[in-house]
Each structure stands twice: as structure tokens, then as C-alpha cells.
PDB file of all heavy atoms in Angstrom:
ATOM      1  N   GLN A   1     -25.439 121.051 318.332  1.00  0.00           N
ATOM      2  CA  GLN A   1     -26.479 121.508 319.247  1.00  0.00           C
ATOM      3  C   GLN A   1     -27.539 122.304 318.503  1.00  0.00           C
ATOM      4  O   GLN A   1     -27.286 122.863 317.429  1.00  0.00           O
ATOM      5  CB  GLN A   1     -25.871 122.352 320.369  1.00  0.00           C
ATOM      6  CG  GLN A   1     -25.249 123.652 319.910  1.00  0.00           C
ATOM      7  CD  GLN A   1     -24.615 124.426 321.049  1.00  0.00           C
ATOM      8  OE1 GLN A   1     -24.422 123.898 322.145  1.00  0.00           O
ATOM      9  NE2 GLN A   1     -24.291 125.683 320.803  1.00  0.00           N
ATOM     10  N   ALA A   2     -28.733 122.344 319.060  1.00  0.00           N
ATOM     11  CA  ALA A   2     -29.814 123.113 318.461  1.00  0.00           C
ATOM     12  C   ALA A   2     -29.380 124.559 318.250  1.00  0.00           C
ATOM     13  O   ALA A   2     -28.752 125.164 319.119  1.00  0.00           O
ATOM     14  CB  ALA A   2     -31.060 123.052 319.333  1.00  0.00           C
ATOM     15  N   GLY A   3     -29.720 125.092 317.083  1.00  0.00           N
ATOM     16  CA  GLY A   3     -29.325 126.442 316.729  1.00  0.00           C
ATOM     17  C   GLY A   3     -28.008 126.525 315.991  1.00  0.00           C
ATOM     18  O   GLY A   3     -27.665 127.587 315.453  1.00  0.00           O
ATOM     19  N   GLY A   4     -27.298 125.422 315.935  1.00  0.00           N
ATOM     20  CA  GLY A   4     -26.013 125.388 315.260  1.00  0.00           C
ATOM     21  C   GLY A   4     -26.141 125.158 313.772  1.00  0.00           C
ATOM     22  O   GLY A   4     -27.236 125.107 313.222  1.00  0.00           O
ATOM     23  N   SER A   5     -24.992 125.000 313.128  1.00  0.00           N
ATOM     24  CA  SER A   5     -24.943 124.853 311.678  1.00  0.00           C
ATOM     25  C   SER A   5     -24.067 123.687 311.264  1.00  0.00           C
ATOM     26  O   SER A   5     -23.121 123.322 311.961  1.00  0.00           O
ATOM     27  CB  SER A   5     -24.393 126.130 311.028  1.00  0.00           C
ATOM     28  OG  SER A   5     -25.218 127.246 311.285  1.00  0.00           O
ATOM     29  N   LEU A   6     -24.387 123.117 310.126  1.00  0.00           N
ATOM     30  CA  LEU A   6     -23.577 122.104 309.478  1.00  0.00           C
ATOM     31  C   LEU A   6     -23.643 122.322 307.977  1.00  0.00           C
ATOM     32  O   LEU A   6     -24.648 122.809 307.469  1.00  0.00           O
ATOM     33  CB  LEU A   6     -24.069 120.688 309.788  1.00  0.00           C
ATOM     34  CG  LEU A   6     -23.757 120.065 311.142  1.00  0.00           C
ATOM     35  CD1 LEU A   6     -24.482 118.723 311.256  1.00  0.00           C
ATOM     36  CD2 LEU A   6     -22.265 119.884 311.324  1.00  0.00           C
ATOM     37  N   ARG A   7     -22.588 121.950 307.280  1.00  0.00           N
ATOM     38  CA  ARG A   7     -22.608 121.942 305.831  1.00  0.00           C
ATOM     39  C   ARG A   7     -22.363 120.531 305.340  1.00  0.00           C
ATOM     40  O   ARG A   7     -21.308 119.950 305.606  1.00  0.00           O
ATOM     41  CB  ARG A   7     -21.554 122.880 305.229  1.00  0.00           C
ATOM     42  CG  ARG A   7     -21.714 123.027 303.709  1.00  0.00           C
ATOM     43  CD  ARG A   7     -20.594 123.815 303.060  1.00  0.00           C
ATOM     44  NE  ARG A   7     -19.352 123.056 302.996  1.00  0.00           N
ATOM     45  CZ  ARG A   7     -18.305 123.381 302.239  1.00  0.00           C
ATOM     46  NH1 ARG A   7     -18.357 124.480 301.485  1.00  0.00           N
ATOM     47  NH2 ARG A   7     -17.214 122.647 302.253  1.00  0.00           N
ATOM     48  N   LEU A   8     -23.337 119.996 304.638  1.00  0.00           N
ATOM     49  CA  LEU A   8     -23.201 118.680 304.037  1.00  0.00           C
ATOM     50  C   LEU A   8     -22.655 118.814 302.628  1.00  0.00           C
ATOM     51  O   LEU A   8     -22.974 119.768 301.916  1.00  0.00           O
ATOM     52  CB  LEU A   8     -24.542 117.957 303.994  1.00  0.00           C
ATOM     53  CG  LEU A   8     -25.288 117.792 305.322  1.00  0.00           C
ATOM     54  CD1 LEU A   8     -26.553 116.971 305.100  1.00  0.00           C
ATOM     55  CD2 LEU A   8     -24.391 117.154 306.365  1.00  0.00           C
ATOM     56  N   SER A   9     -21.834 117.862 302.238  1.00  0.00           N
ATOM     57  CA  SER A   9     -21.281 117.834 300.897  1.00  0.00           C
ATOM     58  C   SER A   9     -21.624 116.514 300.236  1.00  0.00           C
ATOM     59  O   SER A   9     -21.750 115.488 300.899  1.00  0.00           O
ATOM     60  CB  SER A   9     -19.760 118.003 300.932  1.00  0.00           C
ATOM     61  OG  SER A   9     -19.393 119.246 301.492  1.00  0.00           O
ATOM     62  N   CYS A  10     -21.767 116.550 298.937  1.00  0.00           N
ATOM     63  CA  CYS A  10     -22.006 115.347 298.154  1.00  0.00           C
ATOM     64  C   CYS A  10     -21.077 115.373 296.958  1.00  0.00           C
ATOM     65  O   CYS A  10     -21.161 116.283 296.127  1.00  0.00           O
ATOM     66  CB  CYS A  10     -23.468 115.271 297.709  1.00  0.00           C
ATOM     67  SG  CYS A  10     -23.862 113.849 296.669  1.00  0.00           S
ATOM     68  N   ALA A  11     -20.191 114.399 296.891  1.00  0.00           N
ATOM     69  CA  ALA A  11     -19.256 114.285 295.786  1.00  0.00           C
ATOM     70  C   ALA A  11     -19.803 113.295 294.769  1.00  0.00           C
ATOM     71  O   ALA A  11     -20.169 112.180 295.115  1.00  0.00           O
ATOM     72  CB  ALA A  11     -17.891 113.831 296.284  1.00  0.00           C
ATOM     73  N   ALA A  12     -19.850 113.714 293.517  1.00  0.00           N
ATOM     74  CA  ALA A  12     -20.382 112.886 292.448  1.00  0.00           C
ATOM     75  C   ALA A  12     -19.285 112.495 291.479  1.00  0.00           C
ATOM     76  O   ALA A  12     -18.385 113.281 291.192  1.00  0.00           O
ATOM     77  CB  ALA A  12     -21.496 113.619 291.703  1.00  0.00           C
ATOM     78  N   SER A  13     -19.379 111.286 290.977  1.00  0.00           N
ATOM     79  CA  SER A  13     -18.434 110.816 289.977  1.00  0.00           C
ATOM     80  C   SER A  13     -18.976 111.059 288.576  1.00  0.00           C
ATOM     81  O   SER A  13     -20.183 111.247 288.389  1.00  0.00           O
ATOM     82  CB  SER A  13     -18.149 109.328 290.171  1.00  0.00           C
ATOM     83  OG  SER A  13     -19.311 108.555 289.903  1.00  0.00           O
ATOM     84  N   GLY A  14     -18.086 111.056 287.602  1.00  0.00           N
ATOM     85  CA  GLY A  14     -18.495 111.111 286.215  1.00  0.00           C
ATOM     86  C   GLY A  14     -18.551 112.503 285.624  1.00  0.00           C
ATOM     87  O   GLY A  14     -18.809 113.484 286.329  1.00  0.00           O
ATOM     88  N   ARG A  15     -18.321 112.554 284.332  1.00  0.00           N
ATOM     89  CA  ARG A  15     -18.343 113.815 283.601  1.00  0.00           C
ATOM     90  C   ARG A  15     -19.751 114.338 283.365  1.00  0.00           C
ATOM     91  O   ARG A  15     -19.922 115.512 283.011  1.00  0.00           O
ATOM     92  CB  ARG A  15     -17.639 113.641 282.251  1.00  0.00           C
ATOM     93  CG  ARG A  15     -16.156 113.392 282.327  1.00  0.00           C
ATOM     94  CD  ARG A  15     -15.590 113.160 280.942  1.00  0.00           C
ATOM     95  NE  ARG A  15     -14.143 112.985 280.974  1.00  0.00           N
ATOM     96  CZ  ARG A  15     -13.270 113.967 280.823  1.00  0.00           C
ATOM     97  NH1 ARG A  15     -13.700 115.210 280.627  1.00  0.00           N
ATOM     98  NH2 ARG A  15     -11.975 113.722 280.868  1.00  0.00           N
ATOM     99  N   THR A  16     -20.759 113.489 283.552  1.00  0.00           N
ATOM    100  CA  THR A  16     -22.134 113.866 283.269  1.00  0.00           C
ATOM    101  C   THR A  16     -22.846 114.500 284.452  1.00  0.00           C
ATOM    102  O   THR A  16     -24.045 114.758 284.376  1.00  0.00           O
ATOM    103  CB  THR A  16     -22.952 112.652 282.790  1.00  0.00           C
ATOM    104  OG1 THR A  16     -22.940 111.643 283.807  1.00  0.00           O
ATOM    105  CG2 THR A  16     -22.373 112.097 281.506  1.00  0.00           C
ATOM    106  N   PHE A  17     -22.122 114.774 285.537  1.00  0.00           N
ATOM    107  CA  PHE A  17     -22.724 115.349 286.727  1.00  0.00           C
ATOM    108  C   PHE A  17     -23.543 116.590 286.418  1.00  0.00           C
ATOM    109  O   PHE A  17     -24.632 116.784 286.957  1.00  0.00           O
ATOM    110  CB  PHE A  17     -21.648 115.667 287.764  1.00  0.00           C
ATOM    111  CG  PHE A  17     -22.150 116.461 288.931  1.00  0.00           C
ATOM    112  CD1 PHE A  17     -22.916 115.860 289.921  1.00  0.00           C
ATOM    113  CD2 PHE A  17     -21.859 117.812 289.054  1.00  0.00           C
ATOM    114  CE1 PHE A  17     -23.379 116.583 291.006  1.00  0.00           C
ATOM    115  CE2 PHE A  17     -22.309 118.546 290.126  1.00  0.00           C
ATOM    116  CZ  PHE A  17     -23.069 117.930 291.113  1.00  0.00           C
ATOM    117  N   SER A  18     -23.032 117.451 285.548  1.00  0.00           N
ATOM    118  CA  SER A  18     -23.688 118.720 285.274  1.00  0.00           C
ATOM    119  C   SER A  18     -25.048 118.567 284.610  1.00  0.00           C
ATOM    120  O   SER A  18     -25.833 119.518 284.589  1.00  0.00           O
ATOM    121  CB  SER A  18     -22.786 119.614 284.411  1.00  0.00           C
ATOM    122  OG  SER A  18     -22.519 119.005 283.164  1.00  0.00           O
ATOM    123  N   SER A  19     -25.345 117.398 284.074  1.00  0.00           N
ATOM    124  CA  SER A  19     -26.623 117.176 283.412  1.00  0.00           C
ATOM    125  C   SER A  19     -27.727 116.735 284.377  1.00  0.00           C
ATOM    126  O   SER A  19     -28.875 116.592 283.966  1.00  0.00           O
ATOM    127  CB  SER A  19     -26.479 116.143 282.296  1.00  0.00           C
ATOM    128  OG  SER A  19     -26.226 114.853 282.822  1.00  0.00           O
ATOM    129  N   TYR A  20     -27.383 116.538 285.635  1.00  0.00           N
ATOM    130  CA  TYR A  20     -28.335 116.053 286.632  1.00  0.00           C
ATOM    131  C   TYR A  20     -28.848 117.176 287.514  1.00  0.00           C
ATOM    132  O   TYR A  20     -28.086 118.033 287.958  1.00  0.00           O
ATOM    133  CB  TYR A  20     -27.685 115.008 287.537  1.00  0.00           C
ATOM    134  CG  TYR A  20     -27.382 113.682 286.884  1.00  0.00           C
ATOM    135  CD1 TYR A  20     -26.210 113.492 286.180  1.00  0.00           C
ATOM    136  CD2 TYR A  20     -28.273 112.625 287.007  1.00  0.00           C
ATOM    137  CE1 TYR A  20     -25.927 112.269 285.590  1.00  0.00           C
ATOM    138  CE2 TYR A  20     -27.998 111.405 286.431  1.00  0.00           C
ATOM    139  CZ  TYR A  20     -26.823 111.222 285.724  1.00  0.00           C
ATOM    140  OH  TYR A  20     -26.545 110.006 285.154  1.00  0.00           O
ATOM    141  N   ALA A  21     -30.145 117.138 287.771  1.00  0.00           N
ATOM    142  CA  ALA A  21     -30.666 117.886 288.903  1.00  0.00           C
ATOM    143  C   ALA A  21     -30.245 117.143 290.164  1.00  0.00           C
ATOM    144  O   ALA A  21     -30.116 115.920 290.156  1.00  0.00           O
ATOM    145  CB  ALA A  21     -32.182 117.989 288.830  1.00  0.00           C
ATOM    146  N   MET A  22     -30.016 117.870 291.237  1.00  0.00           N
ATOM    147  CA  MET A  22     -29.559 117.260 292.477  1.00  0.00           C
ATOM    148  C   MET A  22     -30.514 117.593 293.612  1.00  0.00           C
ATOM    149  O   MET A  22     -31.018 118.713 293.703  1.00  0.00           O
ATOM    150  CB  MET A  22     -28.157 117.742 292.838  1.00  0.00           C
ATOM    151  CG  MET A  22     -27.088 117.382 291.815  1.00  0.00           C
ATOM    152  SD  MET A  22     -26.815 115.591 291.678  1.00  0.00           S
ATOM    153  CE  MET A  22     -26.207 115.211 293.323  1.00  0.00           C
ATOM    154  N   GLY A  23     -30.731 116.615 294.453  1.00  0.00           N
ATOM    155  CA  GLY A  23     -31.618 116.816 295.577  1.00  0.00           C
ATOM    156  C   GLY A  23     -31.032 116.290 296.874  1.00  0.00           C
ATOM    157  O   GLY A  23     -30.125 115.457 296.876  1.00  0.00           O
ATOM    158  N   TRP A  24     -31.534 116.815 297.967  1.00  0.00           N
ATOM    159  CA  TRP A  24     -31.235 116.297 299.291  1.00  0.00           C
ATOM    160  C   TRP A  24     -32.525 115.782 299.915  1.00  0.00           C
ATOM    161  O   TRP A  24     -33.573 116.441 299.838  1.00  0.00           O
ATOM    162  CB  TRP A  24     -30.631 117.369 300.198  1.00  0.00           C
ATOM    163  CG  TRP A  24     -29.200 117.691 299.904  1.00  0.00           C
ATOM    164  CD1 TRP A  24     -28.722 118.712 299.144  1.00  0.00           C
ATOM    165  CD2 TRP A  24     -28.054 116.979 300.386  1.00  0.00           C
ATOM    166  NE1 TRP A  24     -27.351 118.691 299.120  1.00  0.00           N
ATOM    167  CE2 TRP A  24     -26.910 117.636 299.870  1.00  0.00           C
ATOM    168  CE3 TRP A  24     -27.875 115.862 301.198  1.00  0.00           C
ATOM    169  CZ2 TRP A  24     -25.613 117.202 300.151  1.00  0.00           C
ATOM    170  CZ3 TRP A  24     -26.588 115.425 301.467  1.00  0.00           C
ATOM    171  CH2 TRP A  24     -25.479 116.093 300.948  1.00  0.00           C
ATOM    172  N   PHE A  25     -32.433 114.618 300.517  1.00  0.00           N
ATOM    173  CA  PHE A  25     -33.541 114.008 301.236  1.00  0.00           C
ATOM    174  C   PHE A  25     -33.060 113.612 302.621  1.00  0.00           C
ATOM    175  O   PHE A  25     -31.854 113.549 302.866  1.00  0.00           O
ATOM    176  CB  PHE A  25     -34.059 112.774 300.499  1.00  0.00           C
ATOM    177  CG  PHE A  25     -34.711 113.076 299.181  1.00  0.00           C
ATOM    178  CD1 PHE A  25     -33.959 113.354 298.058  1.00  0.00           C
ATOM    179  CD2 PHE A  25     -36.095 113.080 299.068  1.00  0.00           C
ATOM    180  CE1 PHE A  25     -34.548 113.633 296.843  1.00  0.00           C
ATOM    181  CE2 PHE A  25     -36.713 113.356 297.854  1.00  0.00           C
ATOM    182  CZ  PHE A  25     -35.937 113.635 296.745  1.00  0.00           C
ATOM    183  N   ARG A  26     -33.989 113.340 303.502  1.00  0.00           N
ATOM    184  CA  ARG A  26     -33.611 112.865 304.824  1.00  0.00           C
ATOM    185  C   ARG A  26     -34.604 111.820 305.296  1.00  0.00           C
ATOM    186  O   ARG A  26     -35.754 111.792 304.871  1.00  0.00           O
ATOM    187  CB  ARG A  26     -33.522 114.010 305.833  1.00  0.00           C
ATOM    188  CG  ARG A  26     -34.839 114.712 306.118  1.00  0.00           C
ATOM    189  CD  ARG A  26     -34.589 115.950 306.962  1.00  0.00           C
ATOM    190  NE  ARG A  26     -35.828 116.629 307.322  1.00  0.00           N
ATOM    191  CZ  ARG A  26     -35.883 117.795 307.949  1.00  0.00           C
ATOM    192  NH1 ARG A  26     -34.752 118.420 308.287  1.00  0.00           N
ATOM    193  NH2 ARG A  26     -37.061 118.342 308.242  1.00  0.00           N
ATOM    194  N   GLN A  27     -34.134 110.966 306.188  1.00  0.00           N
ATOM    195  CA  GLN A  27     -34.977 109.919 306.723  1.00  0.00           C
ATOM    196  C   GLN A  27     -34.663 109.716 308.199  1.00  0.00           C
ATOM    197  O   GLN A  27     -33.542 109.365 308.556  1.00  0.00           O
ATOM    198  CB  GLN A  27     -34.781 108.611 305.955  1.00  0.00           C
ATOM    199  CG  GLN A  27     -35.771 107.526 306.335  1.00  0.00           C
ATOM    200  CD  GLN A  27     -35.771 106.382 305.341  1.00  0.00           C
ATOM    201  OE1 GLN A  27     -34.827 106.205 304.573  1.00  0.00           O
ATOM    202  NE2 GLN A  27     -36.836 105.605 305.340  1.00  0.00           N
ATOM    203  N   ALA A  28     -35.656 109.954 309.025  1.00  0.00           N
ATOM    204  CA  ALA A  28     -35.539 109.729 310.452  1.00  0.00           C
ATOM    205  C   ALA A  28     -35.997 108.313 310.776  1.00  0.00           C
ATOM    206  O   ALA A  28     -36.756 107.711 310.007  1.00  0.00           O
ATOM    207  CB  ALA A  28     -36.379 110.742 311.220  1.00  0.00           C
ATOM    208  N   PRO A  29     -35.555 107.744 311.904  1.00  0.00           N
ATOM    209  CA  PRO A  29     -35.962 106.389 312.273  1.00  0.00           C
ATOM    210  C   PRO A  29     -37.476 106.227 312.285  1.00  0.00           C
ATOM    211  O   PRO A  29     -38.187 107.037 312.873  1.00  0.00           O
ATOM    212  CB  PRO A  29     -35.377 106.218 313.678  1.00  0.00           C
ATOM    213  CG  PRO A  29     -34.196 107.122 313.697  1.00  0.00           C
ATOM    214  CD  PRO A  29     -34.612 108.319 312.885  1.00  0.00           C
ATOM    215  N   GLY A  30     -37.956 105.190 311.614  1.00  0.00           N
ATOM    216  CA  GLY A  30     -39.382 104.901 311.587  1.00  0.00           C
ATOM    217  C   GLY A  30     -40.210 105.795 310.688  1.00  0.00           C
ATOM    218  O   GLY A  30     -41.438 105.679 310.675  1.00  0.00           O
ATOM    219  N   LYS A  31     -39.569 106.673 309.930  1.00  0.00           N
ATOM    220  CA  LYS A  31     -40.288 107.591 309.064  1.00  0.00           C
ATOM    221  C   LYS A  31     -39.923 107.375 307.606  1.00  0.00           C
ATOM    222  O   LYS A  31     -38.884 106.795 307.283  1.00  0.00           O
ATOM    223  CB  LYS A  31     -40.006 109.045 309.448  1.00  0.00           C
ATOM    224  CG  LYS A  31     -40.478 109.434 310.839  1.00  0.00           C
ATOM    225  CD  LYS A  31     -40.251 110.910 311.106  1.00  0.00           C
ATOM    226  CE  LYS A  31     -41.091 111.784 310.198  1.00  0.00           C
ATOM    227  NZ  LYS A  31     -40.900 113.235 310.482  1.00  0.00           N
ATOM    228  N   GLU A  32     -40.784 107.842 306.723  1.00  0.00           N
ATOM    229  CA  GLU A  32     -40.544 107.759 305.294  1.00  0.00           C
ATOM    230  C   GLU A  32     -39.498 108.779 304.878  1.00  0.00           C
ATOM    231  O   GLU A  32     -39.305 109.802 305.538  1.00  0.00           O
ATOM    232  CB  GLU A  32     -41.856 108.001 304.537  1.00  0.00           C
ATOM    233  CG  GLU A  32     -41.781 107.726 303.041  1.00  0.00           C
ATOM    234  CD  GLU A  32     -41.488 106.275 302.736  1.00  0.00           C
ATOM    235  OE1 GLU A  32     -42.168 105.396 303.302  1.00  0.00           O
ATOM    236  OE2 GLU A  32     -40.576 106.019 301.920  1.00  0.00           O
ATOM    237  N   ARG A  33     -38.810 108.484 303.799  1.00  0.00           N
ATOM    238  CA  ARG A  33     -37.836 109.425 303.266  1.00  0.00           C
ATOM    239  C   ARG A  33     -38.538 110.725 302.879  1.00  0.00           C
ATOM    240  O   ARG A  33     -39.580 110.720 302.219  1.00  0.00           O
ATOM    241  CB  ARG A  33     -37.117 108.821 302.066  1.00  0.00           C
ATOM    242  CG  ARG A  33     -35.946 109.642 301.569  1.00  0.00           C
ATOM    243  CD  ARG A  33     -35.041 108.802 300.679  1.00  0.00           C
ATOM    244  NE  ARG A  33     -34.487 107.664 301.397  1.00  0.00           N
ATOM    245  CZ  ARG A  33     -33.582 106.832 300.902  1.00  0.00           C
ATOM    246  NH1 ARG A  33     -33.124 107.014 299.681  1.00  0.00           N
ATOM    247  NH2 ARG A  33     -33.145 105.814 301.623  1.00  0.00           N
ATOM    248  N   GLU A  34     -37.938 111.840 303.261  1.00  0.00           N
ATOM    249  CA  GLU A  34     -38.552 113.150 303.129  1.00  0.00           C
ATOM    250  C   GLU A  34     -37.712 114.065 302.249  1.00  0.00           C
ATOM    251  O   GLU A  34     -36.496 114.158 302.414  1.00  0.00           O
ATOM    252  CB  GLU A  34     -38.725 113.771 304.522  1.00  0.00           C
ATOM    253  CG  GLU A  34     -39.250 115.190 304.540  1.00  0.00           C
ATOM    254  CD  GLU A  34     -39.189 115.808 305.924  1.00  0.00           C
ATOM    255  OE1 GLU A  34     -38.405 115.308 306.763  1.00  0.00           O
ATOM    256  OE2 GLU A  34     -39.925 116.781 306.172  1.00  0.00           O
TER     257      GLU A  34
END
């Protein structure tokens, strides 16, 4: 519900994970990835 909270997680494979910058994006129906 509006005003609530969620925590998203992203699990990555590989030993090289630490060398990557990480980002979150979102895409709503009919819209460009943001």
C-alpha cells in the first residue's frame, strides 16, 4: 500500500561481482526504462 516499504534484493553470480558498479532501474507499462 502507499506509504509502505519493500526491500528488493539482487543476487549476482561470479567472483567478479565486486568489480562492478550496480544500478537499479524501473520500467512502467508503456514507458521507457528509468
